[in-house]
PDB file of N, CA and C in Angstrom:
ATOM      1  N   MET A   1      12.606 229.148 146.634  1.00  0.00           N
ATOM      2  CA  MET A   1      13.290 230.042 145.728  1.00  0.00           C
ATOM      3  C   MET A   1      14.431 229.248 145.091  1.00  0.00           C
ATOM      4  N   SER A   2      14.496 229.248 143.773  1.00  0.00           N
ATOM      5  CA  SER A   2      15.560 228.531 143.071  1.00  0.00           C
ATOM      6  C   SER A   2      16.878 229.280 143.230  1.00  0.00           C
ATOM      7  N   ILE A   3      17.969 228.586 142.940  1.00  0.00           N
ATOM      8  CA  ILE A   3      19.289 229.216 143.030  1.00  0.00           C
ATOM      9  C   ILE A   3      19.386 230.391 142.063  1.00  0.00           C
ATOM     10  N   ALA A   4      18.838 230.234 140.847  1.00  0.00           N
ATOM     11  CA  ALA A   4      18.877 231.331 139.867  1.00  0.00           C
ATOM     12  C   ALA A   4      18.126 232.547 140.394  1.00  0.00           C
ATOM     13  N   ASN A   5      16.951 232.330 140.975  1.00  0.00           N
ATOM     14  CA  ASN A   5      16.177 233.437 141.539  1.00  0.00           C
ATOM     15  C   ASN A   5      16.888 234.043 142.742  1.00  0.00           C
ATOM     16  N   ALA A   6      17.465 233.179 143.575  1.00  0.00           N
ATOM     17  CA  ALA A   6      18.179 233.661 144.758  1.00  0.00           C
ATOM     18  C   ALA A   6      19.397 234.484 144.348  1.00  0.00           C
ATOM     19  N   THR A   7      20.091 234.040 143.320  1.00  0.00           N
ATOM     20  CA  THR A   7      21.258 234.776 142.834  1.00  0.00           C
ATOM     21  C   THR A   7      20.840 236.128 142.270  1.00  0.00           C
ATOM     22  N   ALA A   8      19.769 236.149 141.494  1.00  0.00           N
ATOM     23  CA  ALA A   8      19.267 237.416 140.944  1.00  0.00           C
ATOM     24  C   ALA A   8      18.837 238.351 142.068  1.00  0.00           C
ATOM     25  N   PHE A   9      18.142 237.816 143.066  1.00  0.00           N
ATOM     26  CA  PHE A   9      17.721 238.591 144.231  1.00  0.00           C
ATOM     27  C   PHE A   9      18.943 239.171 144.941  1.00  0.00           C
ATOM     28  N   THR A  10      19.949 238.334 145.174  1.00  0.00           N
ATOM     29  CA  THR A  10      21.165 238.771 145.853  1.00  0.00           C
ATOM     30  C   THR A  10      21.859 239.887 145.086  1.00  0.00           C
ATOM     31  N   GLU A  11      21.940 239.751 143.769  1.00  0.00           N
ATOM     32  CA  GLU A  11      22.587 240.775 142.953  1.00  0.00           C
ATOM     33  C   GLU A  11      21.836 242.103 143.036  1.00  0.00           C
ATOM     34  N   LYS A  12      20.504 242.055 142.984  1.00  0.00           N
ATOM     35  CA  LYS A  12      19.713 243.284 143.072  1.00  0.00           C
ATOM     36  C   LYS A  12      19.855 243.934 144.444  1.00  0.00           C
ATOM     37  N   ILE A  13      19.772 243.121 145.485  1.00  0.00           N
ATOM     38  CA  ILE A  13      19.912 243.643 146.849  1.00  0.00           C
ATOM     39  C   ILE A  13      21.314 244.213 147.042  1.00  0.00           C
ATOM     40  N   SER A  14      22.322 243.538 146.508  1.00  0.00           N
ATOM     41  CA  SER A  14      23.697 244.017 146.638  1.00  0.00           C
ATOM     42  C   SER A  14      23.860 245.396 146.002  1.00  0.00           C
ATOM     43  N   LEU A  15      23.223 245.603 144.852  1.00  0.00           N
ATOM     44  CA  LEU A  15      23.283 246.911 144.206  1.00  0.00           C
ATOM     45  C   LEU A  15      22.636 247.985 145.074  1.00  0.00           C
ATOM     46  N   VAL A  16      21.495 247.658 145.638  1.00  0.00           N
ATOM     47  CA  VAL A  16      20.778 248.617 146.477  1.00  0.00           C
ATOM     48  C   VAL A  16      21.586 248.940 147.739  1.00  0.00           C
ATOM     49  N   PHE A  17      22.133 247.909 148.369  1.00  0.00           N
ATOM     50  CA  PHE A  17      22.833 248.093 149.635  1.00  0.00           C
ATOM     51  C   PHE A  17      24.302 248.480 149.468  1.00  0.00           C
ATOM     52  N   SER A  18      24.825 248.488 148.270  1.00  0.00           N
ATOM     53  CA  SER A  18      26.249 248.774 148.073  1.00  0.00           C
ATOM     54  C   SER A  18      26.618 250.192 148.488  1.00  0.00           C
ATOM     55  N   LYS A  19      25.657 251.059 148.564  1.00  0.00           N
ATOM     56  CA  LYS A  19      25.920 252.454 148.936  1.00  0.00           C
ATOM     57  C   LYS A  19      25.897 252.668 150.454  1.00  0.00           C
ATOM     58  N   ILE A  20      25.497 251.640 151.205  1.00  0.00           N
ATOM     59  CA  ILE A  20      25.468 251.748 152.669  1.00  0.00           C
ATOM     60  C   ILE A  20      26.877 251.537 153.201  1.00  0.00           C
ATOM     61  N   GLU A  21      27.330 252.465 154.038  1.00  0.00           N
ATOM     62  CA  GLU A  21      28.655 252.337 154.626  1.00  0.00           C
ATOM     63  C   GLU A  21      28.611 251.307 155.749  1.00  0.00           C
ATOM     64  N   ASP A  22      29.586 250.411 155.755  1.00  0.00           N
ATOM     65  CA  ASP A  22      29.690 249.388 156.790  1.00  0.00           C
ATOM     66  C   ASP A  22      30.509 249.970 157.938  1.00  0.00           C
ATOM     67  N   PRO A  23      29.887 250.260 159.087  1.00  0.00           N
ATOM     68  CA  PRO A  23      30.566 250.998 160.154  1.00  0.00           C
ATOM     69  C   PRO A  23      31.750 250.314 160.837  1.00  0.00           C
ATOM     70  N   PRO A  24      31.794 248.979 161.011  1.00  0.00           N
ATOM     71  CA  PRO A  24      32.938 248.420 161.738  1.00  0.00           C
ATOM     72  C   PRO A  24      34.271 248.714 161.046  1.00  0.00           C
ATOM     73  N   VAL A  25      35.311 248.777 161.844  1.00  0.00           N
ATOM     74  CA  VAL A  25      36.649 248.993 161.324  1.00  0.00           C
ATOM     75  C   VAL A  25      37.002 247.820 160.402  1.00  0.00           C
ATOM     76  N   GLU A  26      37.615 248.127 159.281  1.00  0.00           N
ATOM     77  CA  GLU A  26      37.938 247.113 158.268  1.00  0.00           C
ATOM     78  C   GLU A  26      38.651 245.896 158.861  1.00  0.00           C
ATOM     79  N   ARG A  27      39.607 246.105 159.741  1.00  0.00           N
ATOM     80  CA  ARG A  27      40.383 244.981 160.257  1.00  0.00           C
ATOM     81  C   ARG A  27      39.588 244.088 161.213  1.00  0.00           C
ATOM     82  N   THR A  28      38.479 244.601 161.760  1.00  0.00           N
ATOM     83  CA  THR A  28      37.672 243.782 162.663  1.00  0.00           C
ATOM     84  C   THR A  28      36.417 243.231 161.991  1.00  0.00           C
ATOM     85  N   ARG A  29      36.206 243.584 160.742  1.00  0.00           N
ATOM     86  CA  ARG A  29      35.023 243.128 160.013  1.00  0.00           C
ATOM     87  C   ARG A  29      35.254 241.706 159.526  1.00  0.00           C
ATOM     88  N   VAL A  30      34.404 240.771 159.936  1.00  0.00           N
ATOM     89  CA  VAL A  30      34.561 239.384 159.500  1.00  0.00           C
ATOM     90  C   VAL A  30      33.406 238.906 158.625  1.00  0.00           C
ATOM     91  N   HIS A  31      32.299 239.649 158.626  1.00  0.00           N
ATOM     92  CA  HIS A  31      31.136 239.282 157.814  1.00  0.00           C
ATOM     93  C   HIS A  31      30.799 240.433 156.877  1.00  0.00           C
ATOM     94  N   LEU A  32      30.342 240.102 155.699  1.00  0.00           N
ATOM     95  CA  LEU A  32      29.965 241.127 154.736  1.00  0.00           C
ATOM     96  C   LEU A  32      28.602 241.706 155.094  1.00  0.00           C
ATOM     97  N   LEU A  33      28.497 243.024 155.052  1.00  0.00           N
ATOM     98  CA  LEU A  33      27.242 243.690 155.373  1.00  0.00           C
ATOM     99  C   LEU A  33      26.111 243.178 154.483  1.00  0.00           C
ATOM    100  N   THR A  34      26.387 242.986 153.211  1.00  0.00           N
ATOM    101  CA  THR A  34      25.352 242.501 152.291  1.00  0.00           C
ATOM    102  C   THR A  34      24.844 241.125 152.723  1.00  0.00           C
ATOM    103  N   ASP A  35      25.745 240.229 153.121  1.00  0.00           N
ATOM    104  CA  ASP A  35      25.325 238.905 153.598  1.00  0.00           C
ATOM    105  C   ASP A  35      24.414 239.040 154.819  1.00  0.00           C
ATOM    106  N   ILE A  36      24.807 239.892 155.756  1.00  0.00           N
ATOM    107  CA  ILE A  36      24.020 240.086 156.977  1.00  0.00           C
ATOM    108  C   ILE A  36      22.631 240.621 156.637  1.00  0.00           C
ATOM    109  N   LEU A  37      22.580 241.623 155.769  1.00  0.00           N
ATOM    110  CA  LEU A  37      21.289 242.217 155.409  1.00  0.00           C
ATOM    111  C   LEU A  37      20.388 241.208 154.696  1.00  0.00           C
ATOM    112  N   ILE A  38      20.942 240.428 153.787  1.00  0.00           N
ATOM    113  CA  ILE A  38      20.133 239.459 153.052  1.00  0.00           C
ATOM    114  C   ILE A  38      19.627 238.369 153.979  1.00  0.00           C
ATOM    115  N   ILE A  39      20.487 237.852 154.849  1.00  0.00           N
ATOM    116  CA  ILE A  39      20.031 236.837 155.810  1.00  0.00           C
ATOM    117  C   ILE A  39      18.953 237.433 156.714  1.00  0.00           C
ATOM    118  N   GLY A  40      19.139 238.675 157.137  1.00  0.00           N
ATOM    119  CA  GLY A  40      18.139 239.334 157.978  1.00  0.00           C
ATOM    120  C   GLY A  40      16.799 239.475 157.279  1.00  0.00           C
ATOM    121  N   ILE A  41      16.812 239.922 156.031  1.00  0.00           N
ATOM    122  CA  ILE A  41      15.565 240.077 155.266  1.00  0.00           C
ATOM    123  C   ILE A  41      14.870 238.730 155.094  1.00  0.00           C
ATOM    124  N   LEU A  42      15.634 237.723 154.710  1.00  0.00           N
ATOM    125  CA  LEU A  42      15.031 236.397 154.512  1.00  0.00           C
ATOM    126  C   LEU A  42      14.478 235.847 155.821  1.00  0.00           C
ATOM    127  N   SER A  43      15.179 236.084 156.915  1.00  0.00           N
ATOM    128  CA  SER A  43      14.705 235.621 158.219  1.00  0.00           C
ATOM    129  C   SER A  43      13.385 236.294 158.596  1.00  0.00           C
ATOM    130  N   VAL A  44      13.303 237.591 158.399  1.00  0.00           N
ATOM    131  CA  VAL A  44      12.068 238.325 158.722  1.00  0.00           C
ATOM    132  C   VAL A  44      10.918 237.839 157.841  1.00  0.00           C
ATOM    133  N   ILE A  45      11.193 237.627 156.556  1.00  0.00           N
ATOM    134  CA  ILE A  45      10.149 237.097 155.662  1.00  0.00           C
ATOM    135  C   ILE A  45       9.659 235.745 156.172  1.00  0.00           C
ATOM    136  N   ALA A  46      10.579 234.955 156.731  1.00  0.00           N
ATOM    137  CA  ALA A  46      10.224 233.628 157.249  1.00  0.00           C
ATOM    138  C   ALA A  46       9.631 233.682 158.655  1.00  0.00           C
ATOM    139  N   GLY A  47       9.486 234.890 159.222  1.00  0.00           N
ATOM    140  CA  GLY A  47       8.855 235.021 160.529  1.00  0.00           C
ATOM    141  C   GLY A  47       9.802 235.336 161.666  1.00  0.00           C
ATOM    142  N   GLY A  48      11.090 235.533 161.369  1.00  0.00           N
ATOM    143  CA  GLY A  48      12.062 235.860 162.404  1.00  0.00           C
ATOM    144  C   GLY A  48      11.739 237.187 163.071  1.00  0.00           C
ATOM    145  N   LYS A  49      12.023 237.272 164.370  1.00  0.00           N
ATOM    146  CA  LYS A  49      11.669 238.470 165.123  1.00  0.00           C
ATOM    147  C   LYS A  49      12.836 239.103 165.873  1.00  0.00           C
ATOM    148  N   GLY A  50      14.017 238.531 165.777  1.00  0.00           N
ATOM    149  CA  GLY A  50      15.145 239.102 166.513  1.00  0.00           C
ATOM    150  C   GLY A  50      16.466 238.547 166.024  1.00  0.00           C
ATOM    151  N   TRP A  51      17.543 238.967 166.711  1.00  0.00           N
ATOM    152  CA  TRP A  51      18.887 238.581 166.301  1.00  0.00           C
ATOM    153  C   TRP A  51      19.092 237.075 166.346  1.00  0.00           C
ATOM    154  N   GLU A  52      18.584 236.429 167.394  1.00  0.00           N
ATOM    155  CA  GLU A  52      18.752 234.980 167.504  1.00  0.00           C
ATOM    156  C   GLU A  52      18.021 234.259 166.371  1.00  0.00           C
ATOM    157  N   ASP A  53      16.852 234.766 165.994  1.00  0.00           N
ATOM    158  CA  ASP A  53      16.115 234.178 164.873  1.00  0.00           C
ATOM    159  C   ASP A  53      16.893 234.310 163.570  1.00  0.00           C
ATOM    160  N   ILE A  54      17.561 235.448 163.388  1.00  0.00           N
ATOM    161  CA  ILE A  54      18.362 235.653 162.178  1.00  0.00           C
ATOM    162  C   ILE A  54      19.513 234.646 162.156  1.00  0.00           C
ATOM    163  N   GLU A  55      20.192 234.501 163.279  1.00  0.00           N
ATOM    164  CA  GLU A  55      21.289 233.530 163.354  1.00  0.00           C
ATOM    165  C   GLU A  55      20.778 232.113 163.102  1.00  0.00           C
ATOM    166  N   ASN A  56      19.684 231.748 163.766  1.00  0.00           N
ATOM    167  CA  ASN A  56      19.132 230.397 163.595  1.00  0.00           C
ATOM    168  C   ASN A  56      18.686 230.145 162.161  1.00  0.00           C
ATOM    169  N   TYR A  57      18.094 231.150 161.527  1.00  0.00           N
ATOM    170  CA  TYR A  57      17.688 231.017 160.127  1.00  0.00           C
ATOM    171  C   TYR A  57      18.922 230.754 159.261  1.00  0.00           C
ATOM    172  N   GLY A  58      19.958 231.563 159.469  1.00  0.00           N
ATOM    173  CA  GLY A  58      21.183 231.401 158.690  1.00  0.00           C
ATOM    174  C   GLY A  58      21.802 230.030 158.875  1.00  0.00           C
ATOM    175  N   LEU A  59      21.856 229.569 160.106  1.00  0.00           N
ATOM    176  CA  LEU A  59      22.430 228.247 160.375  1.00  0.00           C
ATOM    177  C   LEU A  59      21.596 227.134 159.750  1.00  0.00           C
ATOM    178  N   SER A  60      20.282 227.260 159.846  1.00  0.00           N
ATOM    179  CA  SER A  60      19.417 226.201 159.309  1.00  0.00           C
ATOM    180  C   SER A  60      19.391 226.180 157.783  1.00  0.00           C
ATOM    181  N   LYS A  61      19.700 227.303 157.156  1.00  0.00           N
ATOM    182  CA  LYS A  61      19.680 227.406 155.689  1.00  0.00           C
ATOM    183  C   LYS A  61      21.078 227.563 155.100  1.00  0.00           C
ATOM    184  N   TYR A  62      22.098 227.242 155.870  1.00  0.00           N
ATOM    185  CA  TYR A  62      23.479 227.489 155.448  1.00  0.00           C
ATOM    186  C   TYR A  62      23.811 226.870 154.092  1.00  0.00           C
ATOM    187  N   ASP A  63      23.484 225.605 153.896  1.00  0.00           N
ATOM    188  CA  ASP A  63      23.826 224.935 152.631  1.00  0.00           C
ATOM    189  C   ASP A  63      23.224 225.655 151.435  1.00  0.00           C
ATOM    190  N   TRP A  64      22.030 226.182 151.599  1.00  0.00           N
ATOM    191  CA  TRP A  64      21.359 226.913 150.523  1.00  0.00           C
ATOM    192  C   TRP A  64      21.967 228.307 150.367  1.00  0.00           C
ATOM    193  N   LEU A  65      22.171 229.010 151.480  1.00  0.00           N
ATOM    194  CA  LEU A  65      22.690 230.373 151.445  1.00  0.00           C
ATOM    195  C   LEU A  65      24.102 230.446 150.852  1.00  0.00           C
ATOM    196  N   GLU A  66      24.928 229.443 151.138  1.00  0.00           N
ATOM    197  CA  GLU A  66      26.308 229.504 150.656  1.00  0.00           C
ATOM    198  C   GLU A  66      26.408 229.361 149.137  1.00  0.00           C
ATOM    199  N   GLN A  67      25.312 228.986 148.507  1.00  0.00           N
ATOM    200  CA  GLN A  67      25.315 228.871 147.056  1.00  0.00           C
ATOM    201  C   GLN A  67      25.251 230.232 146.364  1.00  0.00           C
ATOM    202  N   PHE A  68      24.797 231.278 147.072  1.00  0.00           N
ATOM    203  CA  PHE A  68      24.689 232.585 146.435  1.00  0.00           C
ATOM    204  C   PHE A  68      25.184 233.752 147.301  1.00  0.00           C
ATOM    205  N   LEU A  69      25.616 233.481 148.521  1.00  0.00           N
ATOM    206  CA  LEU A  69      26.225 234.514 149.357  1.00  0.00           C
ATOM    207  C   LEU A  69      27.702 234.172 149.558  1.00  0.00           C
ATOM    208  N   ALA A  70      28.508 235.167 149.853  1.00  0.00           N
ATOM    209  CA  ALA A  70      29.945 234.935 150.041  1.00  0.00           C
ATOM    210  C   ALA A  70      30.224 234.184 151.350  1.00  0.00           C
ATOM    211  N   LEU A  71      29.635 234.627 152.451  1.00  0.00           N
ATOM    212  CA  LEU A  71      29.795 234.015 153.775  1.00  0.00           C
ATOM    213  C   LEU A  71      31.248 233.641 154.083  1.00  0.00           C
ATOM    214  N   PRO A  72      32.183 234.608 154.004  1.00  0.00           N
ATOM    215  CA  PRO A  72      33.593 234.287 154.192  1.00  0.00           C
ATOM    216  C   PRO A  72      33.922 233.692 155.564  1.00  0.00           C
ATOM    217  N   GLU A  73      33.142 234.038 156.570  1.00  0.00           N
ATOM    218  CA  GLU A  73      33.354 233.493 157.919  1.00  0.00           C
ATOM    219  C   GLU A  73      32.115 232.758 158.427  1.00  0.00           C
ATOM    220  N   GLY A  74      31.314 232.241 157.503  1.00  0.00           N
ATOM    221  CA  GLY A  74      30.115 231.510 157.880  1.00  0.00           C
ATOM    222  C   GLY A  74      28.967 232.454 158.251  1.00  0.00           C
ATOM    223  N   ILE A  75      28.046 231.936 159.032  1.00  0.00           N
ATOM    224  CA  ILE A  75      26.879 232.700 159.466  1.00  0.00           C
ATOM    225  C   ILE A  75      27.272 233.523 160.695  1.00  0.00           C
ATOM    226  N   PRO A  76      26.954 234.825 160.683  1.00  0.00           N
ATOM    227  CA  PRO A  76      27.287 235.642 161.862  1.00  0.00           C
ATOM    228  C   PRO A  76      26.456 235.221 163.076  1.00  0.00           C
ATOM    229  N   SER A  77      27.095 235.230 164.232  1.00  0.00           N
ATOM    230  CA  SER A  77      26.364 234.909 165.454  1.00  0.00           C
ATOM    231  C   SER A  77      25.510 236.106 165.854  1.00  0.00           C
ATOM    232  N   ALA A  78      24.527 235.859 166.699  1.00  0.00           N
ATOM    233  CA  ALA A  78      23.584 236.916 167.102  1.00  0.00           C
ATOM    234  C   ALA A  78      24.331 238.108 167.719  1.00  0.00           C
ATOM    235  N   ASP A  79      25.427 237.872 168.417  1.00  0.00           N
ATOM    236  CA  ASP A  79      26.153 238.994 169.032  1.00  0.00           C
ATOM    237  C   ASP A  79      27.007 239.768 168.022  1.00  0.00           C
ATOM    238  N   ARG A  80      27.122 239.292 166.794  1.00  0.00           N
ATOM    239  CA  ARG A  80      27.834 240.002 165.730  1.00  0.00           C
ATOM    240  C   ARG A  80      26.888 240.802 164.841  1.00  0.00           C
ATOM    241  N   LEU A  81      25.597 240.552 164.981  1.00  0.00           N
ATOM    242  CA  LEU A  81      24.629 241.215 164.105  1.00  0.00           C
ATOM    243  C   LEU A  81      24.319 242.614 164.556  1.00  0.00           C
TER     244      LEU A  81
END
């Protein structure tokens, strides 16, 4: 997936997911819900089956993901997902 396609995908997904309320308390939230959902979707498409797979996918694709996701605190660990 090219950066342009990934950016367009991210923008569309962000619009769809923008209406979902992020349950953690604002002061304890370190990762954006949209980033988590997009990494999760991409991981599942790539064959991921659980939280550790999502984390591993994010870590292995970090350089690519940071080009179109905010990732203010990096890739969330499996215990944060």
